[in-house]
């Protein structure tokens, strides 16, 4: 009976050892999935074309004093243009929107004032052409004169297509062409007049010399 407890203890100890040896290893911690890196947003290009167009329209309004025909729209356009100038390069989306809205309002101003401007431009072209015709400039300046005529016709074609800025530019070129033809033709006329005056003076001097010589011959007789 004294050996029984020792035997029981040995069996228990052996069971513990076998249990520890056969116990499964803990499962490894799952590897977290890789975190996807969000791509950088594409850079927004500068609205350079919109800026240039807004500036072009603004220059036309200021040059021809058209703001009086649509003062509210002009003030709104100015505010939008300033906003675009402040945002460009920093927030190009906002700048583009401001320029586009400014373009729309500048265009409204120009359309309302274009009738007055066109009337004035036509008058300038007509006066310049009459000046050129007064000295028959086409006789000596045919190429310049005909080019001015073509520009005037082009201006009217632009108006038919509602291309107002192009029409104003063509009217200006036509006016300048007629004036250039007049100046060049007038310079030739003045040069010819001076040559005639010089020839007349030379002839007058020769006539005096002949008269003096005849007088001397008569005195000798």
C-alpha atoms as a PDB file:
ATOM      1  CA  UNK A   1       0.000   0.000   0.000  1.00  0.00           C
ATOM      2  CA  UNK A   2       2.883   2.300   0.555  1.00  0.00           C
ATOM      3  CA  UNK A   3       3.921   1.908  -3.162  1.00  0.00           C
ATOM      4  CA  UNK A   4       0.505   2.841  -4.539  1.00  0.00           C
ATOM      5  CA  UNK A   5       0.702   6.595  -3.923  1.00  0.00           C
ATOM      6  CA  UNK A   6       4.094   6.737  -5.590  1.00  0.00           C
ATOM      7  CA  UNK A   7       2.751   4.898  -8.596  1.00  0.00           C
ATOM      8  CA  UNK A   8      -0.224   7.217  -8.819  1.00  0.00           C
ATOM      9  CA  UNK A   9       2.019  10.208  -8.571  1.00  0.00           C
ATOM     10  CA  UNK A  10       4.254   8.861 -11.325  1.00  0.00           C
ATOM     11  CA  UNK A  11       1.271   8.296 -13.602  1.00  0.00           C
ATOM     12  CA  UNK A  12      -0.034  11.774 -12.940  1.00  0.00           C
ATOM     13  CA  UNK A  13       3.362  13.331 -13.615  1.00  0.00           C
ATOM     14  CA  UNK A  14       3.729  11.369 -16.832  1.00  0.00           C
ATOM     15  CA  UNK A  15       0.271  12.489 -17.963  1.00  0.00           C
ATOM     16  CA  UNK A  16       1.190  16.095 -17.311  1.00  0.00           C
ATOM     17  CA  UNK A  17       4.408  15.771 -19.316  1.00  0.00           C
ATOM     18  CA  UNK A  18       2.638  14.097 -22.239  1.00  0.00           C
ATOM     19  CA  UNK A  19      -0.123  16.733 -22.129  1.00  0.00           C
ATOM     20  CA  UNK A  20       2.383  19.586 -22.264  1.00  0.00           C
ATOM     21  CA  UNK A  21       4.357  17.966 -25.047  1.00  0.00           C
ATOM     22  CA  UNK A  22       1.313  17.419 -27.258  1.00  0.00           C
ATOM     23  CA  UNK A  23      -0.358  20.797 -26.689  1.00  0.00           C
ATOM     24  CA  UNK A  24      -0.671  22.708 -30.080  1.00  0.00           C
ATOM     25  CA  UNK A  25       1.294  25.892 -30.604  1.00  0.00           C
ATOM     26  CA  UNK A  26      -0.766  29.082 -30.706  1.00  0.00           C
ATOM     27  CA  UNK A  27      -1.733  30.247 -34.218  1.00  0.00           C
ATOM     28  CA  UNK A  28       0.345  33.185 -35.547  1.00  0.00           C
ATOM     29  CA  UNK A  29      -1.245  36.611 -35.598  1.00  0.00           C
ATOM     30  CA  UNK A  30      -2.681  37.392 -39.068  1.00  0.00           C
ATOM     31  CA  UNK A  31      -0.611  39.837 -41.127  1.00  0.00           C
ATOM     32  CA  UNK A  32      -2.576  43.065 -41.664  1.00  0.00           C
ATOM     33  CA  UNK A  33      -3.264  43.855 -45.329  1.00  0.00           C
ATOM     34  CA  UNK A  34      -1.045  46.556 -46.839  1.00  0.00           C
ATOM     35  CA  UNK A  35      -2.496  50.033 -46.700  1.00  0.00           C
ATOM     36  CA  UNK A  36      -3.021  51.382 -50.223  1.00  0.00           C
ATOM     37  CA  UNK A  37      -1.465  54.805 -50.784  1.00  0.00           C
ATOM     38  CA  UNK A  38      -3.906  57.204 -52.443  1.00  0.00           C
ATOM     39  CA  UNK A  39      -2.483  58.687 -55.663  1.00  0.00           C
ATOM     40  CA  UNK A  40      -1.725  62.386 -55.609  1.00  0.00           C
ATOM     41  CA  UNK A  41      -4.478  64.422 -57.268  1.00  0.00           C
ATOM     42  CA  UNK A  42      -3.500  65.666 -60.725  1.00  0.00           C
ATOM     43  CA  UNK A  43      -2.321  69.248 -60.885  1.00  0.00           C
ATOM     44  CA  UNK A  44      -4.965  71.644 -62.192  1.00  0.00           C
ATOM     45  CA  UNK A  45      -3.539  73.589 -65.158  1.00  0.00           C
ATOM     46  CA  UNK A  46      -3.506  77.359 -65.089  1.00  0.00           C
ATOM     47  CA  UNK A  47      -6.440  78.933 -66.948  1.00  0.00           C
ATOM     48  CA  UNK A  48      -4.119  81.027 -69.116  1.00  0.00           C
ATOM     49  CA  UNK A  49      -6.457  81.012 -72.132  1.00  0.00           C
ATOM     50  CA  UNK A  50      -9.399  82.206 -70.043  1.00  0.00           C
ATOM     51  CA  UNK A  51      -7.240  84.886 -68.447  1.00  0.00           C
ATOM     52  CA  UNK A  52      -6.053  86.145 -71.844  1.00  0.00           C
ATOM     53  CA  UNK A  53      -9.599  86.283 -73.223  1.00  0.00           C
ATOM     54  CA  UNK A  54     -10.919  88.144 -70.198  1.00  0.00           C
ATOM     55  CA  UNK A  55      -8.084  90.664 -70.486  1.00  0.00           C
ATOM     56  CA  UNK A  56      -8.746  91.141 -74.195  1.00  0.00           C
ATOM     57  CA  UNK A  57     -12.429  91.864 -73.638  1.00  0.00           C
ATOM     58  CA  UNK A  58     -11.679  94.122 -70.705  1.00  0.00           C
ATOM     59  CA  UNK A  59      -9.230  96.149 -72.825  1.00  0.00           C
ATOM     60  CA  UNK A  60     -11.891  96.636 -75.498  1.00  0.00           C
ATOM     61  CA  UNK A  61     -14.430  97.841 -72.940  1.00  0.00           C
ATOM     62  CA  UNK A  62     -11.961 100.313 -71.463  1.00  0.00           C
ATOM     63  CA  UNK A  63     -10.520 101.515 -74.774  1.00  0.00           C
ATOM     64  CA  UNK A  64     -13.906 102.291 -76.303  1.00  0.00           C
ATOM     65  CA  UNK A  65     -15.515 103.433 -73.047  1.00  0.00           C
ATOM     66  CA  UNK A  66     -18.321 100.880 -73.236  1.00  0.00           C
ATOM     67  CA  UNK A  67     -18.947 100.527 -69.501  1.00  0.00           C
ATOM     68  CA  UNK A  68     -21.582 103.269 -69.698  1.00  0.00           C
ATOM     69  CA  UNK A  69     -23.834 101.001 -71.761  1.00  0.00           C
ATOM     70  CA  UNK A  70     -24.003  98.276 -69.059  1.00  0.00           C
ATOM     71  CA  UNK A  71     -22.536  99.657 -65.865  1.00  0.00           C
ATOM     72  CA  UNK A  72     -23.809  96.921 -63.530  1.00  0.00           C
ATOM     73  CA  UNK A  73     -22.479  94.102 -65.696  1.00  0.00           C
ATOM     74  CA  UNK A  74     -19.184  95.933 -66.003  1.00  0.00           C
ATOM     75  CA  UNK A  75     -18.811  96.254 -62.238  1.00  0.00           C
ATOM     76  CA  UNK A  76     -19.600  92.552 -61.804  1.00  0.00           C
ATOM     77  CA  UNK A  77     -17.079  91.664 -64.510  1.00  0.00           C
ATOM     78  CA  UNK A  78     -14.404  93.755 -62.813  1.00  0.00           C
ATOM     79  CA  UNK A  79     -14.982  92.010 -59.475  1.00  0.00           C
ATOM     80  CA  UNK A  80     -14.854  88.567 -61.095  1.00  0.00           C
ATOM     81  CA  UNK A  81     -11.725  89.464 -63.044  1.00  0.00           C
ATOM     82  CA  UNK A  82     -10.008  90.621 -59.855  1.00  0.00           C
ATOM     83  CA  UNK A  83     -11.005  87.359 -58.149  1.00  0.00           C
ATOM     84  CA  UNK A  84      -9.496  85.384 -61.000  1.00  0.00           C
ATOM     85  CA  UNK A  85      -6.264  87.348 -60.813  1.00  0.00           C
ATOM     86  CA  UNK A  86      -6.054  86.680 -57.080  1.00  0.00           C
ATOM     87  CA  UNK A  87      -6.735  82.932 -57.421  1.00  0.00           C
ATOM     88  CA  UNK A  88      -4.667  81.975 -60.467  1.00  0.00           C
ATOM     89  CA  UNK A  89      -1.723  79.781 -59.568  1.00  0.00           C
ATOM     90  CA  UNK A  90      -3.176  79.144 -56.120  1.00  0.00           C
ATOM     91  CA  UNK A  91      -6.648  77.784 -56.899  1.00  0.00           C
ATOM     92  CA  UNK A  92      -6.832  77.348 -60.664  1.00  0.00           C
ATOM     93  CA  UNK A  93     -10.344  75.869 -60.620  1.00  0.00           C
ATOM     94  CA  UNK A  94     -11.694  78.929 -58.850  1.00  0.00           C
ATOM     95  CA  UNK A  95      -9.675  81.208 -61.134  1.00  0.00           C
ATOM     96  CA  UNK A  96     -11.073  79.541 -64.266  1.00  0.00           C
ATOM     97  CA  UNK A  97     -14.640  79.916 -63.029  1.00  0.00           C
ATOM     98  CA  UNK A  98     -14.100  83.596 -62.199  1.00  0.00           C
ATOM     99  CA  UNK A  99     -12.575  84.319 -65.608  1.00  0.00           C
ATOM    100  CA  UNK A 100     -15.379  82.522 -67.444  1.00  0.00           C
ATOM    101  CA  UNK A 101     -18.018  84.512 -65.591  1.00  0.00           C
ATOM    102  CA  UNK A 102     -16.085  87.740 -66.194  1.00  0.00           C
ATOM    103  CA  UNK A 103     -15.891  86.925 -69.923  1.00  0.00           C
ATOM    104  CA  UNK A 104     -19.661  86.485 -70.083  1.00  0.00           C
ATOM    105  CA  UNK A 105     -20.283  89.876 -68.468  1.00  0.00           C
ATOM    106  CA  UNK A 106     -17.649  91.743 -70.509  1.00  0.00           C
ATOM    107  CA  UNK A 107     -19.255  90.282 -73.634  1.00  0.00           C
ATOM    108  CA  UNK A 108     -22.639  91.611 -72.542  1.00  0.00           C
ATOM    109  CA  UNK A 109     -21.147  95.074 -72.096  1.00  0.00           C
ATOM    110  CA  UNK A 110     -19.556  94.952 -75.542  1.00  0.00           C
ATOM    111  CA  UNK A 111     -22.713  93.725 -77.252  1.00  0.00           C
ATOM    112  CA  UNK A 112     -24.749  96.561 -75.767  1.00  0.00           C
ATOM    113  CA  UNK A 113     -22.219  99.198 -76.747  1.00  0.00           C
ATOM    114  CA  UNK A 114     -21.153  97.814 -80.104  1.00  0.00           C
ATOM    115  CA  UNK A 115     -23.795  99.698 -82.092  1.00  0.00           C
ATOM    116  CA  UNK A 116     -22.393 103.018 -80.953  1.00  0.00           C
ATOM    117  CA  UNK A 117     -18.827 101.904 -81.585  1.00  0.00           C
ATOM    118  CA  UNK A 118     -19.578 100.517 -85.043  1.00  0.00           C
ATOM    119  CA  UNK A 119     -21.300 103.752 -86.046  1.00  0.00           C
ATOM    120  CA  UNK A 120     -18.248 105.715 -84.953  1.00  0.00           C
ATOM    121  CA  UNK A 121     -15.823 103.346 -86.668  1.00  0.00           C
ATOM    122  CA  UNK A 122     -17.737 103.421 -89.951  1.00  0.00           C
ATOM    123  CA  UNK A 123     -17.662 107.205 -89.853  1.00  0.00           C
ATOM    124  CA  UNK A 124     -13.899 107.208 -89.271  1.00  0.00           C
ATOM    125  CA  UNK A 125     -13.351 104.876 -92.223  1.00  0.00           C
ATOM    126  CA  UNK A 126     -15.601 106.941 -94.481  1.00  0.00           C
ATOM    127  CA  UNK A 127     -13.820 110.186 -93.612  1.00  0.00           C
ATOM    128  CA  UNK A 128     -10.395 108.627 -94.151  1.00  0.00           C
ATOM    129  CA  UNK A 129     -11.474 107.251 -97.526  1.00  0.00           C
ATOM    130  CA  UNK A 130     -12.850 110.616 -98.622  1.00  0.00           C
ATOM    131  CA  UNK A 131      -9.556 112.209 -97.637  1.00  0.00           C
ATOM    132  CA  UNK A 132      -7.651 109.662 -99.700  1.00  0.00           C
ATOM    133  CA  UNK A 133      -9.997 110.136-102.669  1.00  0.00           C
ATOM    134  CA  UNK A 134      -9.613 113.916-102.535  1.00  0.00           C
ATOM    135  CA  UNK A 135      -6.116 113.600-103.993  1.00  0.00           C
ATOM    136  CA  UNK A 136      -6.771 110.382-105.962  1.00  0.00           C
ATOM    137  CA  UNK A 137      -4.514 108.337-103.715  1.00  0.00           C
ATOM    138  CA  UNK A 138      -5.335 105.092-105.476  1.00  0.00           C
ATOM    139  CA  UNK A 139      -3.477 106.253-108.573  1.00  0.00           C
ATOM    140  CA  UNK A 140      -0.096 106.063-106.823  1.00  0.00           C
ATOM    141  CA  UNK A 141      -0.974 103.932-103.761  1.00  0.00           C
ATOM    142  CA  UNK A 142      -3.183 101.273-105.296  1.00  0.00           C
ATOM    143  CA  UNK A 143      -2.003  98.367-103.133  1.00  0.00           C
ATOM    144  CA  UNK A 144      -2.417 100.237 -99.850  1.00  0.00           C
ATOM    145  CA  UNK A 145      -5.748 101.717-100.930  1.00  0.00           C
ATOM    146  CA  UNK A 146      -7.209  98.405-102.118  1.00  0.00           C
ATOM    147  CA  UNK A 147      -6.093  96.664 -98.944  1.00  0.00           C
ATOM    148  CA  UNK A 148      -7.974  99.289 -96.922  1.00  0.00           C
ATOM    149  CA  UNK A 149     -11.092  98.665 -99.013  1.00  0.00           C
ATOM    150  CA  UNK A 150     -10.786  94.933 -98.350  1.00  0.00           C
ATOM    151  CA  UNK A 151     -10.438  95.531 -94.599  1.00  0.00           C
ATOM    152  CA  UNK A 152     -13.605  97.632 -94.572  1.00  0.00           C
ATOM    153  CA  UNK A 153     -15.481  94.818 -96.320  1.00  0.00           C
ATOM    154  CA  UNK A 154     -14.023  92.293 -93.885  1.00  0.00           C
ATOM    155  CA  UNK A 155     -15.255  94.410 -90.977  1.00  0.00           C
ATOM    156  CA  UNK A 156     -18.803  94.264 -92.300  1.00  0.00           C
ATOM    157  CA  UNK A 157     -18.507  90.488 -92.725  1.00  0.00           C
ATOM    158  CA  UNK A 158     -17.361  90.169 -89.113  1.00  0.00           C
ATOM    159  CA  UNK A 159     -20.419  92.122 -87.992  1.00  0.00           C
ATOM    160  CA  UNK A 160     -22.687  89.768 -89.906  1.00  0.00           C
ATOM    161  CA  UNK A 161     -21.112  86.878 -87.994  1.00  0.00           C
ATOM    162  CA  UNK A 162     -21.358  88.798 -84.691  1.00  0.00           C
ATOM    163  CA  UNK A 163     -17.587  88.828 -84.331  1.00  0.00           C
ATOM    164  CA  UNK A 164     -17.550  92.290 -82.837  1.00  0.00           C
ATOM    165  CA  UNK A 165     -13.940  92.493 -81.710  1.00  0.00           C
ATOM    166  CA  UNK A 166     -12.703  91.362 -85.103  1.00  0.00           C
ATOM    167  CA  UNK A 167     -14.974  93.914 -86.778  1.00  0.00           C
ATOM    168  CA  UNK A 168     -13.595  96.772 -84.699  1.00  0.00           C
ATOM    169  CA  UNK A 169     -10.028  95.704 -85.496  1.00  0.00           C
ATOM    170  CA  UNK A 170     -10.775  95.552 -89.247  1.00  0.00           C
ATOM    171  CA  UNK A 171     -12.424  98.977 -89.195  1.00  0.00           C
ATOM    172  CA  UNK A 172      -9.308 100.396 -87.534  1.00  0.00           C
ATOM    173  CA  UNK A 173      -7.055  98.771 -90.129  1.00  0.00           C
ATOM    174  CA  UNK A 174      -9.203 100.105 -92.961  1.00  0.00           C
ATOM    175  CA  UNK A 175      -9.087 103.632 -91.535  1.00  0.00           C
ATOM    176  CA  UNK A 176      -5.322 103.466 -91.029  1.00  0.00           C
ATOM    177  CA  UNK A 177      -4.880 102.098 -94.560  1.00  0.00           C
ATOM    178  CA  UNK A 178      -6.762 104.960 -96.180  1.00  0.00           C
ATOM    179  CA  UNK A 179      -4.849 107.502 -94.104  1.00  0.00           C
ATOM    180  CA  UNK A 180      -1.545 105.856 -95.036  1.00  0.00           C
ATOM    181  CA  UNK A 181      -2.480 105.984 -98.723  1.00  0.00           C
ATOM    182  CA  UNK A 182      -3.373 109.660 -98.356  1.00  0.00           C
ATOM    183  CA  UNK A 183      -0.123 110.563 -96.612  1.00  0.00           C
ATOM    184  CA  UNK A 184       2.047 108.713 -99.129  1.00  0.00           C
ATOM    185  CA  UNK A 185       0.179 110.148-102.118  1.00  0.00           C
ATOM    186  CA  UNK A 186       0.276 113.621-100.649  1.00  0.00           C
ATOM    187  CA  UNK A 187       4.027 113.348-100.098  1.00  0.00           C
ATOM    188  CA  UNK A 188       4.504 112.458-103.766  1.00  0.00           C
ATOM    189  CA  UNK A 189       2.343 115.411-104.788  1.00  0.00           C
ATOM    190  CA  UNK A 190       4.350 117.802-102.638  1.00  0.00           C
ATOM    191  CA  UNK A 191       7.591 116.450-104.041  1.00  0.00           C
ATOM    192  CA  UNK A 192       6.351 116.914-107.584  1.00  0.00           C
ATOM    193  CA  UNK A 193       5.140 120.427-106.781  1.00  0.00           C
ATOM    194  CA  UNK A 194       8.558 121.369-105.403  1.00  0.00           C
ATOM    195  CA  UNK A 195      10.214 119.982-108.522  1.00  0.00           C
ATOM    196  CA  UNK A 196       7.894 122.025-110.728  1.00  0.00           C
ATOM    197  CA  UNK A 197       8.538 125.142-108.670  1.00  0.00           C
ATOM    198  CA  UNK A 198      12.279 124.598-109.004  1.00  0.00           C
ATOM    199  CA  UNK A 199      11.966 124.114-112.757  1.00  0.00           C
ATOM    200  CA  UNK A 200       9.854 127.260-113.052  1.00  0.00           C
ATOM    201  CA  UNK A 201      12.453 129.186-111.106  1.00  0.00           C
ATOM    202  CA  UNK A 202      15.204 127.916-113.357  1.00  0.00           C
ATOM    203  CA  UNK A 203      13.216 128.872-116.446  1.00  0.00           C
ATOM    204  CA  UNK A 204      12.494 132.316-115.038  1.00  0.00           C
ATOM    205  CA  UNK A 205      16.191 132.793-114.314  1.00  0.00           C
ATOM    206  CA  UNK A 206      17.096 131.796-117.876  1.00  0.00           C
ATOM    207  CA  UNK A 207      14.541 134.198-119.300  1.00  0.00           C
ATOM    208  CA  UNK A 208      16.026 137.045-117.271  1.00  0.00           C
ATOM    209  CA  UNK A 209      19.506 136.182-118.477  1.00  0.00           C
ATOM    210  CA  UNK A 210      18.322 136.226-122.085  1.00  0.00           C
ATOM    211  CA  UNK A 211      16.588 139.555-121.575  1.00  0.00           C
ATOM    212  CA  UNK A 212      19.722 141.071-120.033  1.00  0.00           C
ATOM    213  CA  UNK A 213      21.866 139.735-122.863  1.00  0.00           C
ATOM    214  CA  UNK A 214      19.535 141.234-125.471  1.00  0.00           C
ATOM    215  CA  UNK A 215      19.687 144.552-123.656  1.00  0.00           C
ATOM    216  CA  UNK A 216      23.492 144.512-123.672  1.00  0.00           C
ATOM    217  CA  UNK A 217      23.600 143.713-127.375  1.00  0.00           C
ATOM    218  CA  UNK A 218      21.215 146.535-128.178  1.00  0.00           C
ATOM    219  CA  UNK A 219      23.319 148.933-126.109  1.00  0.00           C
ATOM    220  CA  UNK A 220      26.452 147.975-128.052  1.00  0.00           C
ATOM    221  CA  UNK A 221      24.778 148.776-131.355  1.00  0.00           C
END
